Amino acid sequence: MDTTTPTGQLLFGIFGAVAQFERDLIVERVRAGIAHARSLGKQIGRPRVYVDADQVIRLRNEKLSLREIARKLNIPVSRVRRALARSESKSPTEVHDPCFPAP
């Protein structure tokens, strides 16, 4: 297709409009599917991983490294760091985080 001519530019514009229309239809269908799944009570997204912050703290007090704690609890090191950071900055009665259930 020669886009230097008026006809080529017209066709290029039409193809772009059709491609955008298709993309918009896909987005609309995906959103409708997600809304339908939610209305049926389905959980959307990655499942939450619950971490026992007290156990992380106890293992850390036993002088285990973050990597060893993560291996022992079968969680990522980043979760171990987050649990320790939250335990240092907040008291147990403060804001409830669903990833770290209150004792």
PDB file of N, CA and C in Angstrom:
ATOM      1  N   MET A   1       0.857  -1.170   0.000  1.00  0.00           N
ATOM      2  CA  MET A   1       0.000   0.000   0.000  1.00  0.00           C
ATOM      3  C   MET A   1       0.906   1.237   0.000  1.00  0.00           C
ATOM      4  N   ASP A   2       0.613   2.134  -0.880  1.00  0.00           N
ATOM      5  CA  ASP A   2       1.378   3.371  -1.019  1.00  0.00           C
ATOM      6  C   ASP A   2       0.674   4.471  -0.237  1.00  0.00           C
ATOM      7  N   THR A   3       1.257   4.859   0.910  1.00  0.00           N
ATOM      8  CA  THR A   3       0.607   5.855   1.763  1.00  0.00           C
ATOM      9  C   THR A   3       0.954   7.287   1.367  1.00  0.00           C
ATOM     10  N   THR A   4       1.661   7.447   0.265  1.00  0.00           N
ATOM     11  CA  THR A   4       1.958   8.801  -0.200  1.00  0.00           C
ATOM     12  C   THR A   4       0.841   9.357  -1.067  1.00  0.00           C
ATOM     13  N   THR A   5      -0.065   8.495  -1.525  1.00  0.00           N
ATOM     14  CA  THR A   5      -1.182   8.944  -2.368  1.00  0.00           C
ATOM     15  C   THR A   5      -2.415   9.154  -1.497  1.00  0.00           C
ATOM     16  N   PRO A   6      -3.361   9.962  -1.944  1.00  0.00           N
ATOM     17  CA  PRO A   6      -4.592  10.155  -1.181  1.00  0.00           C
ATOM     18  C   PRO A   6      -5.362   8.848  -0.953  1.00  0.00           C
ATOM     19  N   THR A   7      -5.387   7.976  -1.953  1.00  0.00           N
ATOM     20  CA  THR A   7      -6.083   6.696  -1.808  1.00  0.00           C
ATOM     21  C   THR A   7      -5.400   5.826  -0.755  1.00  0.00           C
ATOM     22  N   GLY A   8      -4.087   5.780  -0.775  1.00  0.00           N
ATOM     23  CA  GLY A   8      -3.339   5.005   0.213  1.00  0.00           C
ATOM     24  C   GLY A   8      -3.544   5.529   1.615  1.00  0.00           C
ATOM     25  N   GLN A   9      -3.572   6.852   1.748  1.00  0.00           N
ATOM     26  CA  GLN A   9      -3.815   7.454   3.060  1.00  0.00           C
ATOM     27  C   GLN A   9      -5.221   7.134   3.559  1.00  0.00           C
ATOM     28  N   LEU A  10      -6.201   7.144   2.647  1.00  0.00           N
ATOM     29  CA  LEU A  10      -7.576   6.805   3.029  1.00  0.00           C
ATOM     30  C   LEU A  10      -7.664   5.365   3.522  1.00  0.00           C
ATOM     31  N   LEU A  11      -7.070   4.438   2.757  1.00  0.00           N
ATOM     32  CA  LEU A  11      -7.100   3.026   3.151  1.00  0.00           C
ATOM     33  C   LEU A  11      -6.375   2.814   4.483  1.00  0.00           C
ATOM     34  N   PHE A  12      -5.246   3.476   4.655  1.00  0.00           N
ATOM     35  CA  PHE A  12      -4.500   3.362   5.904  1.00  0.00           C
ATOM     36  C   PHE A  12      -5.344   3.850   7.074  1.00  0.00           C
ATOM     37  N   GLY A  13      -6.051   4.956   6.898  1.00  0.00           N
ATOM     38  CA  GLY A  13      -6.935   5.485   7.941  1.00  0.00           C
ATOM     39  C   GLY A  13      -8.085   4.545   8.241  1.00  0.00           C
ATOM     40  N   ILE A  14      -8.653   3.939   7.207  1.00  0.00           N
ATOM     41  CA  ILE A  14      -9.763   2.993   7.399  1.00  0.00           C
ATOM     42  C   ILE A  14      -9.283   1.764   8.168  1.00  0.00           C
ATOM     43  N   PHE A  15      -8.112   1.215   7.765  1.00  0.00           N
ATOM     44  CA  PHE A  15      -7.576   0.043   8.470  1.00  0.00           C
ATOM     45  C   PHE A  15      -7.295   0.370   9.940  1.00  0.00           C
ATOM     46  N   GLY A  16      -6.781   1.557  10.193  1.00  0.00           N
ATOM     47  CA  GLY A  16      -6.525   1.966  11.582  1.00  0.00           C
ATOM     48  C   GLY A  16      -7.808   2.069  12.386  1.00  0.00           C
ATOM     49  N   ALA A  17      -8.860   2.614  11.753  1.00  0.00           N
ATOM     50  CA  ALA A  17     -10.150   2.741  12.438  1.00  0.00           C
ATOM     51  C   ALA A  17     -10.749   1.370  12.728  1.00  0.00           C
ATOM     52  N   VAL A  18     -10.641   0.447  11.771  1.00  0.00           N
ATOM     53  CA  VAL A  18     -11.164  -0.911  11.970  1.00  0.00           C
ATOM     54  C   VAL A  18     -10.380  -1.615  13.085  1.00  0.00           C
ATOM     55  N   ALA A  19      -9.057  -1.448  13.102  1.00  0.00           N
ATOM     56  CA  ALA A  19      -8.236  -2.070  14.145  1.00  0.00           C
ATOM     57  C   ALA A  19      -8.608  -1.524  15.522  1.00  0.00           C
ATOM     58  N   GLN A  20      -8.823  -0.227  15.626  1.00  0.00           N
ATOM     59  CA  GLN A  20      -9.224   0.376  16.894  1.00  0.00           C
ATOM     60  C   GLN A  20     -10.593  -0.122  17.332  1.00  0.00           C
ATOM     61  N   PHE A  21     -11.509  -0.258  16.375  1.00  0.00           N
ATOM     62  CA  PHE A  21     -12.842  -0.772  16.666  1.00  0.00           C
ATOM     63  C   PHE A  21     -12.757  -2.191  17.215  1.00  0.00           C
ATOM     64  N   GLU A  22     -11.929  -3.048  16.603  1.00  0.00           N
ATOM     65  CA  GLU A  22     -11.739  -4.420  17.081  1.00  0.00           C
ATOM     66  C   GLU A  22     -11.181  -4.424  18.500  1.00  0.00           C
ATOM     67  N   ARG A  23     -10.205  -3.573  18.749  1.00  0.00           N
ATOM     68  CA  ARG A  23      -9.608  -3.502  20.085  1.00  0.00           C
ATOM     69  C   ARG A  23     -10.641  -3.079  21.121  1.00  0.00           C
ATOM     70  N   ASP A  24     -11.466  -2.109  20.771  1.00  0.00           N
ATOM     71  CA  ASP A  24     -12.510  -1.653  21.687  1.00  0.00           C
ATOM     72  C   ASP A  24     -13.528  -2.762  21.971  1.00  0.00           C
ATOM     73  N   LEU A  25     -13.851  -3.557  20.949  1.00  0.00           N
ATOM     74  CA  LEU A  25     -14.771  -4.683  21.153  1.00  0.00           C
ATOM     75  C   LEU A  25     -14.177  -5.710  22.107  1.00  0.00           C
ATOM     76  N   ILE A  26     -12.886  -5.989  21.953  1.00  0.00           N
ATOM     77  CA  ILE A  26     -12.225  -6.960  22.835  1.00  0.00           C
ATOM     78  C   ILE A  26     -12.251  -6.469  24.277  1.00  0.00           C
ATOM     79  N   VAL A  27     -11.915  -5.204  24.480  1.00  0.00           N
ATOM     80  CA  VAL A  27     -11.924  -4.628  25.831  1.00  0.00           C
ATOM     81  C   VAL A  27     -13.316  -4.716  26.444  1.00  0.00           C
ATOM     82  N   GLU A  28     -14.326  -4.401  25.647  1.00  0.00           N
ATOM     83  CA  GLU A  28     -15.711  -4.447  26.124  1.00  0.00           C
ATOM     84  C   GLU A  28     -16.106  -5.874  26.530  1.00  0.00           C
ATOM     85  N   ARG A  29     -15.715  -6.858  25.716  1.00  0.00           N
ATOM     86  CA  ARG A  29     -16.039  -8.261  26.035  1.00  0.00           C
ATOM     87  C   ARG A  29     -15.326  -8.737  27.290  1.00  0.00           C
ATOM     88  N   VAL A  30     -14.067  -8.344  27.440  1.00  0.00           N
ATOM     89  CA  VAL A  30     -13.313  -8.757  28.631  1.00  0.00           C
ATOM     90  C   VAL A  30     -13.937  -8.163  29.882  1.00  0.00           C
ATOM     91  N   ARG A  31     -14.270  -6.873  29.832  1.00  0.00           N
ATOM     92  CA  ARG A  31     -14.899  -6.235  30.997  1.00  0.00           C
ATOM     93  C   ARG A  31     -16.239  -6.875  31.326  1.00  0.00           C
ATOM     94  N   ALA A  32     -17.022  -7.202  30.301  1.00  0.00           N
ATOM     95  CA  ALA A  32     -18.311  -7.852  30.531  1.00  0.00           C
ATOM     96  C   ALA A  32     -18.106  -9.237  31.153  1.00  0.00           C
ATOM     97  N   GLY A  33     -17.094  -9.970  30.683  1.00  0.00           N
ATOM     98  CA  GLY A  33     -16.801 -11.292  31.238  1.00  0.00           C
ATOM     99  C   GLY A  33     -16.373 -11.227  32.689  1.00  0.00           C
ATOM    100  N   ILE A  34     -15.540 -10.249  33.027  1.00  0.00           N
ATOM    101  CA  ILE A  34     -15.098 -10.085  34.409  1.00  0.00           C
ATOM    102  C   ILE A  34     -16.281  -9.709  35.297  1.00  0.00           C
ATOM    103  N   ALA A  35     -17.130  -8.803  34.821  1.00  0.00           N
ATOM    104  CA  ALA A  35     -18.304  -8.398  35.602  1.00  0.00           C
ATOM    105  C   ALA A  35     -19.224  -9.594  35.822  1.00  0.00           C
ATOM    106  N   HIS A  36     -19.399 -10.419  34.801  1.00  0.00           N
ATOM    107  CA  HIS A  36     -20.255 -11.604  34.929  1.00  0.00           C
ATOM    108  C   HIS A  36     -19.664 -12.586  35.945  1.00  0.00           C
ATOM    109  N   ALA A  37     -18.361 -12.811  35.867  1.00  0.00           N
ATOM    110  CA  ALA A  37     -17.705 -13.726  36.803  1.00  0.00           C
ATOM    111  C   ALA A  37     -17.845 -13.214  38.237  1.00  0.00           C
ATOM    112  N   ARG A  38     -17.663 -11.914  38.425  1.00  0.00           N
ATOM    113  CA  ARG A  38     -17.812 -11.346  39.768  1.00  0.00           C
ATOM    114  C   ARG A  38     -19.236 -11.499  40.270  1.00  0.00           C
ATOM    115  N   SER A  39     -20.220 -11.339  39.375  1.00  0.00           N
ATOM    116  CA  SER A  39     -21.616 -11.477  39.792  1.00  0.00           C
ATOM    117  C   SER A  39     -21.923 -12.911  40.215  1.00  0.00           C
ATOM    118  N   LEU A  40     -21.136 -13.869  39.720  1.00  0.00           N
ATOM    119  CA  LEU A  40     -21.302 -15.268  40.117  1.00  0.00           C
ATOM    120  C   LEU A  40     -20.488 -15.608  41.364  1.00  0.00           C
ATOM    121  N   GLY A  41     -19.770 -14.611  41.891  1.00  0.00           N
ATOM    122  CA  GLY A  41     -18.998 -14.818  43.115  1.00  0.00           C
ATOM    123  C   GLY A  41     -17.593 -15.337  42.888  1.00  0.00           C
ATOM    124  N   LYS A  42     -17.114 -15.305  41.669  1.00  0.00           N
ATOM    125  CA  LYS A  42     -15.751 -15.788  41.378  1.00  0.00           C
ATOM    126  C   LYS A  42     -14.730 -14.771  41.855  1.00  0.00           C
ATOM    127  N   GLN A  43     -13.599 -15.263  42.304  1.00  0.00           N
ATOM    128  CA  GLN A  43     -12.493 -14.404  42.704  1.00  0.00           C
ATOM    129  C   GLN A  43     -11.677 -14.066  41.461  1.00  0.00           C
ATOM    130  N   ILE A  44     -11.420 -12.793  41.256  1.00  0.00           N
ATOM    131  CA  ILE A  44     -10.643 -12.341  40.109  1.00  0.00           C
ATOM    132  C   ILE A  44      -9.246 -11.976  40.595  1.00  0.00           C
ATOM    133  N   GLY A  45      -8.236 -12.429  39.887  1.00  0.00           N
ATOM    134  CA  GLY A  45      -6.865 -12.064  40.220  1.00  0.00           C
ATOM    135  C   GLY A  45      -6.130 -13.150  40.979  1.00  0.00           C
ATOM    136  N   ARG A  46      -4.927 -12.830  41.335  1.00  0.00           N
ATOM    137  CA  ARG A  46      -4.049 -13.764  42.018  1.00  0.00           C
ATOM    138  C   ARG A  46      -4.524 -13.985  43.454  1.00  0.00           C
ATOM    139  N   PRO A  47      -4.499 -15.232  43.921  1.00  0.00           N
ATOM    140  CA  PRO A  47      -4.923 -15.495  45.303  1.00  0.00           C
ATOM    141  C   PRO A  47      -3.968 -14.850  46.311  1.00  0.00           C
ATOM    142  N   ARG A  48      -4.515 -14.414  47.418  1.00  0.00           N
ATOM    143  CA  ARG A  48      -3.698 -13.801  48.456  1.00  0.00           C
ATOM    144  C   ARG A  48      -2.869 -14.870  49.165  1.00  0.00           C
ATOM    145  N   VAL A  49      -1.657 -14.464  49.544  1.00  0.00           N
ATOM    146  CA  VAL A  49      -0.783 -15.329  50.316  1.00  0.00           C
ATOM    147  C   VAL A  49      -0.766 -14.775  51.730  1.00  0.00           C
ATOM    148  N   TYR A  50      -1.182 -15.584  52.686  1.00  0.00           N
ATOM    149  CA  TYR A  50      -1.231 -15.136  54.073  1.00  0.00           C
ATOM    150  C   TYR A  50       0.074 -15.481  54.774  1.00  0.00           C
ATOM    151  N   VAL A  51       0.598 -14.507  55.481  1.00  0.00           N
ATOM    152  CA  VAL A  51       1.873 -14.661  56.174  1.00  0.00           C
ATOM    153  C   VAL A  51       1.635 -14.463  57.659  1.00  0.00           C
ATOM    154  N   ASP A  52       2.135 -15.389  58.440  1.00  0.00           N
ATOM    155  CA  ASP A  52       2.041 -15.273  59.887  1.00  0.00           C
ATOM    156  C   ASP A  52       3.216 -14.411  60.358  1.00  0.00           C
ATOM    157  N   ALA A  53       2.939 -13.138  60.581  1.00  0.00           N
ATOM    158  CA  ALA A  53       3.990 -12.182  60.943  1.00  0.00           C
ATOM    159  C   ALA A  53       4.668 -12.575  62.257  1.00  0.00           C
ATOM    160  N   ASP A  54       3.912 -13.129  63.192  1.00  0.00           N
ATOM    161  CA  ASP A  54       4.499 -13.539  64.467  1.00  0.00           C
ATOM    162  C   ASP A  54       5.536 -14.642  64.258  1.00  0.00           C
ATOM    163  N   GLN A  55       5.251 -15.558  63.340  1.00  0.00           N
ATOM    164  CA  GLN A  55       6.191 -16.634  63.061  1.00  0.00           C
ATOM    165  C   GLN A  55       7.453 -16.089  62.382  1.00  0.00           C
ATOM    166  N   VAL A  56       7.277 -15.122  61.493  1.00  0.00           N
ATOM    167  CA  VAL A  56       8.429 -14.487  60.838  1.00  0.00           C
ATOM    168  C   VAL A  56       9.304 -13.811  61.895  1.00  0.00           C
ATOM    169  N   ILE A  57       8.683 -13.085  62.805  1.00  0.00           N
ATOM    170  CA  ILE A  57       9.430 -12.391  63.857  1.00  0.00           C
ATOM    171  C   ILE A  57      10.149 -13.395  64.755  1.00  0.00           C
ATOM    172  N   ARG A  58       9.455 -14.473  65.103  1.00  0.00           N
ATOM    173  CA  ARG A  58      10.065 -15.495  65.965  1.00  0.00           C
ATOM    174  C   ARG A  58      11.292 -16.105  65.291  1.00  0.00           C
ATOM    175  N   LEU A  59      11.179 -16.421  63.992  1.00  0.00           N
ATOM    176  CA  LEU A  59      12.311 -17.000  63.268  1.00  0.00           C
ATOM    177  C   LEU A  59      13.453 -15.998  63.129  1.00  0.00           C
ATOM    178  N   ARG A  60      13.111 -14.733  62.957  1.00  0.00           N
ATOM    179  CA  ARG A  60      14.141 -13.702  62.852  1.00  0.00           C
ATOM    180  C   ARG A  60      14.875 -13.536  64.176  1.00  0.00           C
ATOM    181  N   ASN A  61      14.125 -13.656  65.290  1.00  0.00           N
ATOM    182  CA  ASN A  61      14.744 -13.569  66.614  1.00  0.00           C
ATOM    183  C   ASN A  61      15.655 -14.759  66.886  1.00  0.00           C
ATOM    184  N   GLU A  62      15.452 -15.845  66.151  1.00  0.00           N
ATOM    185  CA  GLU A  62      16.335 -17.009  66.258  1.00  0.00           C
ATOM    186  C   GLU A  62      17.581 -16.842  65.393  1.00  0.00           C
ATOM    187  N   LYS A  63      17.765 -15.626  64.854  1.00  0.00           N
ATOM    188  CA  LYS A  63      18.935 -15.254  64.051  1.00  0.00           C
ATOM    189  C   LYS A  63      18.977 -15.944  62.688  1.00  0.00           C
ATOM    190  N   LEU A  64      17.831 -16.327  62.151  1.00  0.00           N
ATOM    191  CA  LEU A  64      17.790 -16.872  60.796  1.00  0.00           C
ATOM    192  C   LEU A  64      17.825 -15.714  59.803  1.00  0.00           C
ATOM    193  N   SER A  65      18.431 -15.954  58.651  1.00  0.00           N
ATOM    194  CA  SER A  65      18.470 -14.923  57.613  1.00  0.00           C
ATOM    195  C   SER A  65      17.094 -14.815  56.958  1.00  0.00           C
ATOM    196  N   LEU A  66      16.895 -13.713  56.227  1.00  0.00           N
ATOM    197  CA  LEU A  66      15.607 -13.535  55.534  1.00  0.00           C
ATOM    198  C   LEU A  66      15.374 -14.656  54.538  1.00  0.00           C
ATOM    199  N   ARG A  67      16.423 -15.057  53.852  1.00  0.00           N
ATOM    200  CA  ARG A  67      16.300 -16.133  52.865  1.00  0.00           C
ATOM    201  C   ARG A  67      15.938 -17.463  53.533  1.00  0.00           C
ATOM    202  N   GLU A  68      16.537 -17.732  54.679  1.00  0.00           N
ATOM    203  CA  GLU A  68      16.223 -18.973  55.401  1.00  0.00           C
ATOM    204  C   GLU A  68      14.773 -18.964  55.892  1.00  0.00           C
ATOM    205  N   ILE A  69      14.332 -17.816  56.379  1.00  0.00           N
ATOM    206  CA  ILE A  69      12.936 -17.700  56.830  1.00  0.00           C
ATOM    207  C   ILE A  69      11.996 -17.926  55.654  1.00  0.00           C
ATOM    208  N   ALA A  70      12.311 -17.306  54.522  1.00  0.00           N
ATOM    209  CA  ALA A  70      11.469 -17.455  53.335  1.00  0.00           C
ATOM    210  C   ALA A  70      11.399 -18.910  52.904  1.00  0.00           C
ATOM    211  N   ARG A  71      12.528 -19.585  52.904  1.00  0.00           N
ATOM    212  CA  ARG A  71      12.540 -21.006  52.522  1.00  0.00           C
ATOM    213  C   ARG A  71      11.728 -21.850  53.497  1.00  0.00           C
ATOM    214  N   LYS A  72      11.901 -21.562  54.774  1.00  0.00           N
ATOM    215  CA  LYS A  72      11.205 -22.343  55.800  1.00  0.00           C
ATOM    216  C   LYS A  72       9.690 -22.179  55.712  1.00  0.00           C
ATOM    217  N   LEU A  73       9.230 -20.946  55.410  1.00  0.00           N
ATOM    218  CA  LEU A  73       7.796 -20.668  55.351  1.00  0.00           C
ATOM    219  C   LEU A  73       7.226 -20.794  53.931  1.00  0.00           C
ATOM    220  N   ASN A  74       8.117 -21.048  52.964  1.00  0.00           N
ATOM    221  CA  ASN A  74       7.712 -21.205  51.568  1.00  0.00           C
ATOM    222  C   ASN A  74       7.013 -19.941  51.036  1.00  0.00           C
ATOM    223  N   ILE A  75       7.638 -18.800  51.300  1.00  0.00           N
ATOM    224  CA  ILE A  75       7.138 -17.506  50.820  1.00  0.00           C
ATOM    225  C   ILE A  75       8.307 -16.728  50.236  1.00  0.00           C
ATOM    226  N   PRO A  76       8.048 -15.704  49.430  1.00  0.00           N
ATOM    227  CA  PRO A  76       9.150 -14.897  48.894  1.00  0.00           C
ATOM    228  C   PRO A  76       9.831 -14.056  49.980  1.00  0.00           C
ATOM    229  N   VAL A  77      11.088 -13.738  49.746  1.00  0.00           N
ATOM    230  CA  VAL A  77      11.854 -12.924  50.684  1.00  0.00           C
ATOM    231  C   VAL A  77      11.187 -11.558  50.857  1.00  0.00           C
ATOM    232  N   SER A  78      10.586 -11.041  49.792  1.00  0.00           N
ATOM    233  CA  SER A  78       9.932  -9.733  49.885  1.00  0.00           C
ATOM    234  C   SER A  78       8.799  -9.752  50.907  1.00  0.00           C
ATOM    235  N   ARG A  79       8.081 -10.868  51.027  1.00  0.00           N
ATOM    236  CA  ARG A  79       7.016 -10.977  52.032  1.00  0.00           C
ATOM    237  C   ARG A  79       7.598 -10.983  53.440  1.00  0.00           C
ATOM    238  N   VAL A  80       8.753 -11.627  53.591  1.00  0.00           N
ATOM    239  CA  VAL A  80       9.416 -11.647  54.899  1.00  0.00           C
ATOM    240  C   VAL A  80       9.809 -10.220  55.284  1.00  0.00           C
ATOM    241  N   ARG A  81      10.422  -9.506  54.333  1.00  0.00           N
ATOM    242  CA  ARG A  81      10.810  -8.118  54.599  1.00  0.00           C
ATOM    243  C   ARG A  81       9.605  -7.268  54.970  1.00  0.00           C
ATOM    244  N   ARG A  82       8.511  -7.444  54.218  1.00  0.00           N
ATOM    245  CA  ARG A  82       7.306  -6.644  54.471  1.00  0.00           C
ATOM    246  C   ARG A  82       6.731  -6.955  55.849  1.00  0.00           C
ATOM    247  N   ALA A  83       6.711  -8.221  56.224  1.00  0.00           N
ATOM    248  CA  ALA A  83       6.178  -8.598  57.536  1.00  0.00           C
ATOM    249  C   ALA A  83       7.021  -7.991  58.653  1.00  0.00           C
ATOM    250  N   LEU A  84       8.338  -8.007  58.485  1.00  0.00           N
ATOM    251  CA  LEU A  84       9.214  -7.426  59.502  1.00  0.00           C
ATOM    252  C   LEU A  84       9.063  -5.910  59.562  1.00  0.00           C
ATOM    253  N   ALA A  85       8.949  -5.276  58.404  1.00  0.00           N
ATOM    254  CA  ALA A  85       8.801  -3.815  58.367  1.00  0.00           C
ATOM    255  C   ALA A  85       7.495  -3.397  59.024  1.00  0.00           C
ATOM    256  N   ARG A  86       6.430  -4.123  58.757  1.00  0.00           N
ATOM    257  CA  ARG A  86       5.136  -3.790  59.350  1.00  0.00           C
ATOM    258  C   ARG A  86       5.147  -4.009  60.853  1.00  0.00           C
ATOM    259  N   SER A  87       5.840  -5.044  61.293  1.00  0.00           N
ATOM    260  CA  SER A  87       5.861  -5.322  62.728  1.00  0.00           C
ATOM    261  C   SER A  87       6.670  -4.271  63.485  1.00  0.00           C
ATOM    262  N   GLU A  88       7.680  -3.680  62.834  1.00  0.00           N
ATOM    263  CA  GLU A  88       8.491  -2.651  63.482  1.00  0.00           C
ATOM    264  C   GLU A  88       7.775  -1.310  63.521  1.00  0.00           C
ATOM    265  N   SER A  89       6.971  -1.014  62.481  1.00  0.00           N
ATOM    266  CA  SER A  89       6.367   0.309  62.383  1.00  0.00           C
ATOM    267  C   SER A  89       4.970   0.414  62.980  1.00  0.00           C
ATOM    268  N   LYS A  90       4.288  -0.722  63.181  1.00  0.00           N
ATOM    269  CA  LYS A  90       2.902  -0.668  63.662  1.00  0.00           C
ATOM    270  C   LYS A  90       2.701  -1.606  64.831  1.00  0.00           C
ATOM    271  N   SER A  91       1.777  -1.225  65.673  1.00  0.00           N
ATOM    272  CA  SER A  91       1.397  -2.129  66.752  1.00  0.00           C
ATOM    273  C   SER A  91       0.359  -3.103  66.199  1.00  0.00           C
ATOM    274  N   PRO A  92       0.150  -4.272  66.821  1.00  0.00           N
ATOM    275  CA  PRO A  92      -0.786  -5.271  66.297  1.00  0.00           C
ATOM    276  C   PRO A  92      -2.226  -4.788  66.211  1.00  0.00           C
ATOM    277  N   THR A  93      -2.589  -3.747  66.968  1.00  0.00           N
ATOM    278  CA  THR A  93      -3.979  -3.291  66.957  1.00  0.00           C
ATOM    279  C   THR A  93      -4.254  -2.266  65.874  1.00  0.00           C
ATOM    280  N   GLU A  94      -3.199  -1.843  65.138  1.00  0.00           N
ATOM    281  CA  GLU A  94      -3.401  -0.839  64.097  1.00  0.00           C
ATOM    282  C   GLU A  94      -4.036  -1.450  62.860  1.00  0.00           C
ATOM    283  N   VAL A  95      -4.004  -0.708  61.764  1.00  0.00           N
ATOM    284  CA  VAL A  95      -4.703  -1.051  60.530  1.00  0.00           C
ATOM    285  C   VAL A  95      -4.541  -2.504  60.143  1.00  0.00           C
ATOM    286  N   HIS A  96      -5.664  -3.157  59.814  1.00  0.00           N
ATOM    287  CA  HIS A  96      -5.665  -4.566  59.443  1.00  0.00           C
ATOM    288  C   HIS A  96      -5.293  -4.698  57.975  1.00  0.00           C
ATOM    289  N   ASP A  97      -4.312  -5.520  57.690  1.00  0.00           N
ATOM    290  CA  ASP A  97      -3.899  -5.815  56.313  1.00  0.00           C
ATOM    291  C   ASP A  97      -4.323  -7.238  56.014  1.00  0.00           C
ATOM    292  N   PRO A  98      -5.091  -7.486  54.944  1.00  0.00           N
ATOM    293  CA  PRO A  98      -5.593  -8.834  54.675  1.00  0.00           C
ATOM    294  C   PRO A  98      -4.471  -9.832  54.400  1.00  0.00           C
ATOM    295  N   CYS A  99      -3.291  -9.374  54.011  1.00  0.00           N
ATOM    296  CA  CYS A  99      -2.175 -10.295  53.773  1.00  0.00           C
ATOM    297  C   CYS A  99      -1.534 -10.747  55.069  1.00  0.00           C
ATOM    298  N   PHE A 100      -1.747  -9.983  56.131  1.00  0.00           N
ATOM    299  CA  PHE A 100      -1.185 -10.301  57.424  1.00  0.00           C
ATOM    300  C   PHE A 100      -2.314 -10.290  58.451  1.00  0.00           C
ATOM    301  N   PRO A 101      -2.989 -11.424  58.622  1.00  0.00           N
ATOM    302  CA  PRO A 101      -4.143 -11.444  59.512  1.00  0.00           C
ATOM    303  C   PRO A 101      -3.782 -11.109  60.960  1.00  0.00           C
ATOM    304  N   ALA A 102      -4.695 -10.446  61.628  1.00  0.00           N
ATOM    305  CA  ALA A 102      -4.493 -10.107  63.035  1.00  0.00           C
ATOM    306  C   ALA A 102      -4.522 -11.373  63.874  1.00  0.00           C
ATOM    307  N   PRO A 103      -3.701 -11.430  64.932  1.00  0.00           N
ATOM    308  CA  PRO A 103      -3.669 -12.659  65.766  1.00  0.00           C
ATOM    309  C   PRO A 103      -4.935 -12.861  66.542  1.00  0.00           C
TER     310      PRO A 103
END
